[in-house]
Each structure stands twice: as structure tokens, then as C-alpha cells.
């Protein structure tokens, strides 16, 4: 029996999973840029708030001034679905689908485990999308988790 199993330390398991995802770099910089562009078309850092470009995306996220991504937006869903299904390597599609499925289940129990989609985006986004800024990674992951079934269900 492993030490992790005996100790039942979810923080160690989560840390190892995040480290594994960062090191594998399943979603490269090109695809990270495509996802950000699909969800935030025609936006630059300076225009997100109408201020100078020296305001960090993380600061905007913390102030909740990064534009909200609406669940179910058909144009954004179609754009992201196309990137995931047509541009990502099969292994990256599988890993992303599995992570979003898991995080969707965790977020569904947010009132019990205190891990809302916002919390999950903040702590896991940059591990899954290492080439994105923390703010964009968090927002993209929250969008994907919230729209998991529409993005990854192959029956649609």
C-alpha cells in the first residue's frame, strides 16, 4: 500500500497531477492562443478594462473585470469545440476531456468541498494551459468545465 493511500492526502495527489500536466504540456502555445482568441475575440489586455496595458490579466481576474464567459454561448462553444476536436492531438483531446469531466464533477459538489469552478480554474488552469496567462487559463478552464458536455460529448 502506497504512502499516499495510507495518508489519504488529496493535496499531494492534486500537486502530482498538476505537475504531471505542466510537464507533459499537452496544450501548446499555438493552441492556447487559439483558445484565448476564440473566447476573447478582438480583445487586448488594454481594452479589457479600457485602461493601460500594464494592468495584469491576473489583476483583472481578481477584480472580476475580465469579461465573463457565458455558458452556452453558441458561437464560442462552436469555436472552442472546433479547436479541441480538429486541432488538438488525440492524446491532448483525451486528457483535456478527462480533466474537464473530473473538474465538472468536483465543481458540482462545490458547496461541500468549497472547490467552485472559479477555484478550480485558478488552481488548475495554468497547469493545463501553461502557455496562457494565469487569468486566461483560469477563464478558459472555467468555460470548458461549465460547458463540458457540449464540448466533449461525441454524440452531438
Protein backbone atom coordinates (compact mmCIF):
# COMPACT_ATOMS: atom_id res chain seq x y z
CA UNK A 1 0.00 0.00 0.00
CA UNK A 2 1.43 3.37 -1.01
CA UNK A 3 2.17 6.16 1.46
CA UNK A 4 -0.27 8.46 -0.35
CA UNK A 5 -3.04 5.89 0.05
CA UNK A 6 -2.33 5.39 3.75
CA UNK A 7 -2.17 9.10 4.45
CA UNK A 8 -5.15 9.96 2.24
CA UNK A 9 -3.55 13.23 1.33
CA UNK A 10 -5.55 14.79 -1.54
CA UNK A 11 -3.17 17.77 -1.69
CA UNK A 12 -0.26 15.52 -2.63
CA UNK A 13 -2.29 13.77 -5.31
CA UNK A 14 -3.52 17.11 -6.71
CA UNK A 15 0.03 18.50 -6.69
CA UNK A 16 1.37 15.47 -8.54
CA UNK A 17 -1.41 15.69 -11.12
CA UNK A 18 -0.76 19.39 -11.73
CA UNK A 19 2.99 18.76 -12.03
CA UNK A 20 2.38 15.93 -14.49
CA UNK A 21 0.11 18.11 -16.64
CA UNK A 22 2.59 21.01 -16.68
CA UNK A 23 5.48 18.75 -17.64
CA UNK A 24 3.57 17.00 -20.42
CA UNK A 25 2.48 20.32 -21.98
CA UNK A 26 -0.42 18.72 -23.86
CA UNK A 27 -1.82 22.10 -24.97
CA UNK A 28 0.96 24.02 -26.71
CA UNK A 29 1.30 27.78 -27.12
CA UNK A 30 -0.35 27.83 -30.55
CA UNK A 31 -3.47 26.11 -29.28
CA UNK A 32 -3.52 28.18 -26.10
CA UNK A 33 -3.56 31.34 -28.24
CA UNK A 34 -6.34 29.87 -30.42
CA UNK A 35 -8.49 29.13 -27.36
CA UNK A 36 -7.98 32.62 -25.89
CA UNK A 37 -8.76 34.20 -29.27
CA UNK A 38 -11.92 32.09 -29.61
CA UNK A 39 -13.20 33.14 -26.20
CA UNK A 40 -11.98 36.74 -26.22
CA UNK A 41 -12.14 37.83 -29.86
CA UNK A 42 -10.66 41.23 -30.70
CA UNK A 43 -9.61 41.91 -27.13
CA UNK A 44 -6.26 43.08 -25.89
CA UNK A 45 -5.19 43.47 -22.30
CA UNK A 46 -5.54 47.25 -22.53
CA UNK A 47 -9.11 47.06 -23.84
CA UNK A 48 -10.38 44.57 -21.30
CA UNK A 49 -10.85 47.37 -18.84
CA UNK A 50 -10.24 50.38 -21.04
CA UNK A 51 -7.02 51.11 -19.20
CA UNK A 52 -3.34 50.88 -19.93
CA UNK A 53 -1.75 47.59 -20.94
CA UNK A 54 0.30 47.43 -17.75
CA UNK A 55 -2.70 46.06 -15.84
CA UNK A 56 -2.15 42.33 -15.50
CA UNK A 57 -4.79 39.81 -16.51
CA UNK A 58 -4.47 38.29 -13.04
CA UNK A 59 -5.33 41.64 -11.50
CA UNK A 60 -8.40 41.91 -13.74
CA UNK A 61 -9.48 38.40 -12.80
CA UNK A 62 -9.07 39.14 -9.10
CA UNK A 63 -11.15 42.30 -9.52
CA UNK A 64 -13.57 40.26 -11.65
CA UNK A 65 -13.13 42.67 -14.54
CA UNK A 66 -12.12 40.12 -17.16
CA UNK A 67 -15.21 39.76 -19.36
CA UNK A 68 -17.48 36.99 -18.14
CA UNK A 69 -17.73 33.96 -20.37
CA UNK A 70 -21.34 32.96 -20.68
CA UNK A 71 -22.15 29.29 -20.52
CA UNK A 72 -23.86 28.10 -23.63
CA UNK A 73 -22.72 30.89 -25.97
CA UNK A 74 -23.19 29.02 -29.28
CA UNK A 75 -20.52 30.93 -31.23
CA UNK A 76 -17.85 30.47 -28.56
CA UNK A 77 -18.87 26.86 -27.99
CA UNK A 78 -18.55 26.10 -31.70
CA UNK A 79 -15.15 27.83 -31.92
CA UNK A 80 -13.71 26.02 -28.91
CA UNK A 81 -15.26 22.69 -29.94
CA UNK A 82 -13.62 23.05 -33.36
CA UNK A 83 -10.20 23.77 -31.83
CA UNK A 84 -10.49 20.83 -29.43
CA UNK A 85 -11.79 18.31 -31.96
CA UNK A 86 -9.97 19.39 -35.12
CA UNK A 87 -6.67 20.90 -33.99
CA UNK A 88 -5.57 19.13 -30.80
CA UNK A 89 -3.73 15.83 -30.96
CA UNK A 90 -5.88 12.86 -29.92
CA UNK A 91 -3.96 12.42 -26.65
CA UNK A 92 -4.45 16.10 -25.79
CA UNK A 93 -8.18 15.78 -26.54
CA UNK A 94 -8.43 12.76 -24.26
CA UNK A 95 -6.51 14.35 -21.39
CA UNK A 96 -8.47 17.60 -21.65
CA UNK A 97 -11.80 15.75 -21.78
CA UNK A 98 -10.88 13.62 -18.76
CA UNK A 99 -9.71 16.65 -16.75
CA UNK A 100 -12.81 18.68 -17.60
CA UNK A 101 -15.03 15.73 -16.72
CA UNK A 102 -13.31 15.31 -13.36
CA UNK A 103 -13.37 19.04 -12.61
CA UNK A 104 -17.03 19.23 -13.63
CA UNK A 105 -17.84 16.58 -11.00
CA UNK A 106 -15.72 18.36 -8.37
CA UNK A 107 -17.39 21.72 -9.13
CA UNK A 108 -20.83 20.10 -8.88
CA UNK A 109 -20.02 19.44 -5.20
CA UNK A 110 -18.68 22.96 -4.64
CA UNK A 111 -20.92 23.67 -1.67
CA UNK A 112 -19.47 20.67 0.11
CA UNK A 113 -15.83 20.71 -0.99
CA UNK A 114 -15.50 24.50 -1.47
CA UNK A 115 -13.99 23.96 -4.90
CA UNK A 116 -16.15 26.08 -7.17
CA UNK A 117 -15.44 26.37 -10.87
CA UNK A 118 -13.68 29.67 -10.12
CA UNK A 119 -11.42 28.00 -7.53
CA UNK A 120 -10.68 25.10 -9.85
CA UNK A 121 -9.87 27.46 -12.69
CA UNK A 122 -7.46 29.42 -10.51
CA UNK A 123 -5.63 26.39 -9.14
CA UNK A 124 -5.64 24.11 -12.21
CA UNK A 125 -5.89 26.35 -15.27
CA UNK A 126 -2.22 27.21 -15.59
CA UNK A 127 -1.24 23.53 -15.22
CA UNK A 128 -3.47 22.53 -18.13
CA UNK A 129 -2.73 25.61 -20.27
CA UNK A 130 0.86 26.51 -19.34
CA UNK A 131 1.38 28.89 -22.26
CA UNK A 132 -1.51 31.14 -21.17
CA UNK A 133 -1.52 33.88 -18.58
CA UNK A 134 -2.99 32.74 -15.27
CA UNK A 135 -6.12 34.80 -15.83
CA UNK A 136 -6.81 33.46 -19.29
CA UNK A 137 -6.00 29.88 -18.24
CA UNK A 138 -8.44 30.19 -15.35
CA UNK A 139 -11.19 31.63 -17.55
CA UNK A 140 -10.71 29.12 -20.36
CA UNK A 141 -10.76 26.20 -17.95
CA UNK A 142 -13.89 27.50 -16.20
CA UNK A 143 -15.60 27.83 -19.59
CA UNK A 144 -14.60 24.30 -20.60
CA UNK A 145 -15.70 22.79 -17.29
CA UNK A 146 -19.04 24.63 -17.37
CA UNK A 147 -19.63 23.53 -20.98
CA UNK A 148 -18.05 20.09 -20.67
CA UNK A 149 -20.93 18.11 -22.18
CA UNK A 150 -21.31 20.45 -25.17
CA UNK A 151 -17.58 20.49 -25.88
CA UNK A 152 -16.68 16.84 -25.42
CA UNK A 153 -19.84 14.79 -25.90
CA UNK A 154 -19.24 12.95 -29.16
CA UNK A 155 -22.94 12.11 -29.57
CA UNK A 156 -23.73 15.73 -30.57
